[in-house]
Amino acid sequence: MAQAGELYRILGIDPGTNYTGYGVLEVDGRTLRAVVMGEIDLHKISDPYAKLRYIFERVRALVEEYEPREVALESPFFGCNVQSMLKLGRAQGVAMAAALSRNREVFEYAPSRIKQSVVGLGSASKEQIAGVVMRTLKIEEKPRRADATDGMAVALCHYYATSSPINQALGDAKVKGLGGDKKARKRGSKSWEQFLRENPERVK
């Protein structure tokens, strides 16, 4: 749980093979501040392996520049579209490897848990997420793409999860791998096709 006067940063990442969103959240006790947020633009890179290398290099550079204590990522859906799921999983994997290569602790959260944590609704839209993120962190200028606020939402979700006295008491008993319970995992499988329809730019 965050202590009064404790200062640290969280890097949130929303992986994608067209755009990977990110946000750096600074925590000062109970005060939150957006340090930077944006997206890693990959849509002009045709080679899938070059995309992965670029994600790795950019995430590693973000860790080195902003020195987050922890890195939180949105976990891929489990669904029937194997190729799309594989592409997102690879994007998440190289982002995770970049953070681990700089000795940062990594956490994962299911998409529905991020939405529930930040907006209070597991089926929240990108617009709703962006609105809540901007109000919570008092961000006046809307970012160019919603991928940026999605990345910051991952960082906020991690802050809420780790600053909760209940989660602190549970310790390692909480579900870390997917950042959610069994219901969230089942719901993720059923929601995969809907996710692709709503976020076609995430996978290419």
Protein backbone atom coordinates (compact mmCIF):
# COMPACT_ATOMS: atom_id res chain seq x y z
CA MET A 1 0.00 0.00 0.00
CA ALA A 2 1.26 3.47 -0.89
CA GLN A 3 2.57 5.34 2.13
CA ALA A 4 2.28 9.08 2.76
CA GLY A 5 5.21 10.82 1.11
CA GLU A 6 6.22 7.75 -0.92
CA LEU A 7 7.16 8.74 -4.48
CA TYR A 8 7.33 6.24 -7.33
CA ARG A 9 6.21 5.71 -10.91
CA ILE A 10 4.16 3.08 -12.75
CA LEU A 11 4.43 2.44 -16.49
CA GLY A 12 1.17 1.16 -17.98
CA ILE A 13 1.19 -0.53 -21.39
CA ASP A 14 -1.70 -1.45 -23.69
CA PRO A 15 -0.02 -3.76 -26.24
CA GLY A 16 -0.93 -3.78 -29.92
CA THR A 17 0.75 -4.51 -33.26
CA ASN A 18 -0.55 -1.33 -34.91
CA TYR A 19 -0.41 0.98 -31.89
CA THR A 20 0.89 0.22 -28.40
CA GLY A 21 -0.39 2.72 -25.87
CA TYR A 22 1.58 3.74 -22.78
CA GLY A 23 1.27 6.02 -19.78
CA VAL A 24 3.60 6.87 -16.90
CA LEU A 25 1.79 7.55 -13.63
CA GLU A 26 3.62 9.24 -10.74
CA VAL A 27 2.42 8.37 -7.25
CA ASP A 28 3.28 10.69 -4.35
CA GLY A 29 1.55 9.20 -1.34
CA ARG A 30 -2.10 9.55 -2.37
CA THR A 31 -1.46 12.19 -5.04
CA LEU A 32 -1.45 11.01 -8.66
CA ARG A 33 0.10 12.79 -11.63
CA ALA A 34 0.37 11.96 -15.33
CA VAL A 35 4.03 12.23 -16.33
CA VAL A 36 3.67 11.27 -19.99
CA MET A 37 1.39 9.24 -22.20
CA GLY A 38 1.33 8.40 -25.88
CA GLU A 39 1.45 5.57 -28.36
CA ILE A 40 4.12 3.58 -30.13
CA ASP A 41 3.12 3.90 -33.80
CA LEU A 42 3.73 0.65 -35.69
CA HIS A 43 1.19 0.81 -38.50
CA LYS A 44 3.77 1.73 -41.16
CA ILE A 45 6.08 -1.19 -40.30
CA SER A 46 5.19 -4.16 -42.52
CA ASP A 47 7.64 -6.76 -41.16
CA PRO A 48 6.02 -8.38 -38.10
CA TYR A 49 9.40 -9.07 -36.51
CA ALA A 50 10.51 -5.49 -37.03
CA LYS A 51 7.34 -4.44 -35.19
CA LEU A 52 8.28 -6.63 -32.23
CA ARG A 53 11.84 -5.29 -32.17
CA TYR A 54 10.55 -1.72 -32.24
CA ILE A 55 8.14 -2.38 -29.35
CA PHE A 56 11.01 -3.86 -27.33
CA GLU A 57 13.31 -0.93 -28.04
CA ARG A 58 10.68 1.74 -27.30
CA VAL A 59 9.48 0.14 -24.07
CA ARG A 60 13.05 -0.30 -22.89
CA ALA A 61 13.72 3.38 -23.70
CA LEU A 62 10.62 4.44 -21.73
CA VAL A 63 11.79 2.44 -18.71
CA GLU A 64 15.25 3.98 -18.91
CA GLU A 65 13.96 7.54 -19.34
CA TYR A 66 11.14 7.61 -16.77
CA GLU A 67 12.45 4.96 -14.33
CA PRO A 68 9.15 3.38 -13.25
CA ARG A 69 9.26 1.13 -10.22
CA GLU A 70 6.72 -1.26 -11.74
CA VAL A 71 5.35 -2.01 -15.19
CA ALA A 72 1.73 -3.08 -15.72
CA LEU A 73 0.37 -4.54 -18.95
CA GLU A 74 -3.03 -5.41 -20.33
CA SER A 75 -3.18 -9.17 -20.87
CA PRO A 76 -4.40 -10.60 -24.21
CA PHE A 77 -7.86 -12.09 -24.55
CA PHE A 78 -8.30 -15.84 -24.78
CA GLY A 79 -10.48 -16.43 -27.81
CA CYS A 80 -11.08 -18.40 -30.96
CA ASN A 81 -9.24 -16.00 -33.32
CA VAL A 82 -5.88 -17.67 -32.79
CA GLN A 83 -3.84 -15.56 -35.22
CA SER A 84 -4.94 -12.23 -33.75
CA MET A 85 -4.51 -13.51 -30.21
CA LEU A 86 -1.01 -14.73 -31.08
CA LYS A 87 -0.03 -11.33 -32.52
CA LEU A 88 -1.22 -9.47 -29.42
CA GLY A 89 0.45 -12.03 -27.17
CA ARG A 90 3.76 -11.51 -28.94
CA ALA A 91 3.44 -7.73 -28.61
CA GLN A 92 2.76 -8.11 -24.91
CA GLY A 93 5.63 -10.57 -24.55
CA VAL A 94 8.30 -8.32 -26.02
CA ALA A 95 7.04 -5.35 -23.97
CA MET A 96 7.25 -7.54 -20.88
CA ALA A 97 10.74 -8.72 -21.83
CA ALA A 98 11.89 -5.12 -22.27
CA ALA A 99 10.73 -4.25 -18.74
CA LEU A 100 12.24 -7.41 -17.27
CA SER A 101 15.54 -6.71 -19.03
CA ARG A 102 15.75 -3.55 -16.90
CA ASN A 103 14.90 -5.46 -13.70
CA ARG A 104 11.39 -4.04 -13.33
CA GLU A 105 8.62 -6.03 -11.71
CA VAL A 106 5.82 -6.79 -14.17
CA PHE A 107 2.08 -7.19 -13.57
CA GLU A 108 -0.79 -8.17 -15.89
CA TYR A 109 -4.46 -7.22 -15.80
CA ALA A 110 -7.40 -8.52 -17.81
CA PRO A 111 -9.11 -5.90 -20.02
CA SER A 112 -12.39 -6.24 -18.14
CA ARG A 113 -10.66 -5.69 -14.82
CA ILE A 114 -8.95 -2.53 -16.09
CA LYS A 115 -12.28 -1.11 -17.27
CA GLN A 116 -14.02 -2.09 -14.03
CA SER A 117 -11.24 -0.62 -11.91
CA VAL A 118 -10.99 2.69 -13.73
CA VAL A 119 -14.55 3.32 -14.98
CA GLY A 120 -16.60 1.02 -12.77
CA LEU A 121 -17.95 -0.85 -15.80
CA GLY A 122 -16.32 -3.93 -17.30
CA SER A 123 -17.71 -3.16 -20.75
CA ALA A 124 -16.68 0.52 -20.83
CA SER A 125 -15.84 2.08 -24.20
CA LYS A 126 -12.54 3.72 -25.14
CA GLU A 127 -14.27 7.10 -24.92
CA GLN A 128 -15.48 6.41 -21.38
CA ILE A 129 -12.01 5.26 -20.33
CA ALA A 130 -10.42 8.36 -21.84
CA GLY A 131 -12.89 10.64 -20.10
CA VAL A 132 -12.35 9.12 -16.65
CA VAL A 133 -8.55 9.03 -17.05
CA MET A 134 -8.45 12.70 -18.05
CA ARG A 135 -10.74 13.79 -15.20
CA THR A 136 -8.92 11.69 -12.60
CA LEU A 137 -5.50 13.04 -13.55
CA LYS A 138 -6.72 16.54 -14.49
CA ILE A 139 -5.43 16.25 -18.05
CA GLU A 140 -6.74 19.16 -20.12
CA GLU A 141 -5.50 18.30 -23.61
CA LYS A 142 -6.95 15.15 -25.15
CA PRO A 143 -4.24 12.86 -26.59
CA ARG A 144 -4.09 12.20 -30.33
CA ARG A 145 -5.23 8.58 -29.93
CA ALA A 146 -7.18 6.68 -27.29
CA ASP A 147 -4.33 4.17 -27.08
CA ALA A 148 -2.54 6.68 -24.85
CA THR A 149 -5.37 6.91 -22.31
CA ASP A 150 -5.76 3.12 -22.51
CA GLY A 151 -2.11 2.77 -21.48
CA MET A 152 -2.58 5.22 -18.61
CA ALA A 153 -5.70 3.29 -17.55
CA VAL A 154 -3.52 0.18 -17.10
CA ALA A 155 -1.21 2.16 -14.81
CA LEU A 156 -4.20 3.47 -12.83
CA CYS A 157 -5.62 -0.04 -12.50
CA HIS A 158 -2.31 -1.26 -11.09
CA TYR A 159 -2.22 1.62 -8.62
CA TYR A 160 -5.77 0.89 -7.42
CA ALA A 161 -5.00 -2.82 -7.12
CA THR A 162 -1.77 -2.43 -5.18
CA SER A 163 -2.93 0.42 -2.94
CA SER A 164 -6.01 -1.49 -1.77
CA PRO A 165 -5.67 -2.71 1.83
CA ILE A 166 -7.57 -5.89 0.87
CA ASN A 167 -5.13 -6.76 -1.91
CA GLN A 168 -2.22 -5.94 0.36
CA ALA A 169 -3.57 -8.40 2.92
CA LEU A 170 -4.02 -11.10 0.25
CA GLY A 171 -0.46 -10.74 -0.99
CA ASP A 172 0.49 -13.61 -3.31
CA ALA A 173 -2.99 -15.10 -3.00
CA LYS A 174 -4.35 -12.64 -5.56
CA VAL A 175 -4.52 -13.72 -9.18
CA LYS A 176 -1.50 -12.09 -10.81
CA GLY A 177 -1.21 -13.85 -14.13
CA LEU A 178 -4.40 -12.45 -15.61
CA GLY A 179 -5.23 -9.82 -13.04
CA GLY A 180 -8.72 -11.20 -12.62
CA ASP A 181 -10.82 -14.04 -11.31
CA LYS A 182 -12.22 -17.09 -13.16
CA LYS A 183 -15.29 -15.13 -14.22
CA ALA A 184 -13.11 -12.53 -15.91
CA ARG A 185 -11.23 -15.22 -17.81
CA LYS A 186 -14.45 -16.85 -19.06
CA ARG A 187 -15.86 -13.48 -20.04
CA GLY A 188 -12.65 -12.71 -21.95
CA SER A 189 -13.10 -15.72 -24.20
CA LYS A 190 -16.70 -14.80 -25.02
CA SER A 191 -15.78 -11.17 -25.64
CA TRP A 192 -12.86 -11.74 -28.02
CA GLU A 193 -14.76 -11.28 -31.28
CA GLN A 194 -16.51 -8.20 -29.89
CA PHE A 195 -13.11 -6.83 -28.84
CA LEU A 196 -11.76 -7.24 -32.38
CA ARG A 197 -14.81 -5.54 -33.86
CA GLU A 198 -14.41 -2.58 -31.52
CA ASN A 199 -10.59 -2.36 -31.79
CA PRO A 200 -9.59 -3.31 -35.37
CA GLU A 201 -6.56 -1.02 -35.21
CA ARG A 202 -4.99 -3.03 -32.39
CA VAL A 203 -4.04 -5.98 -34.62
CA LYS A 204 -2.53 -6.08 -38.09
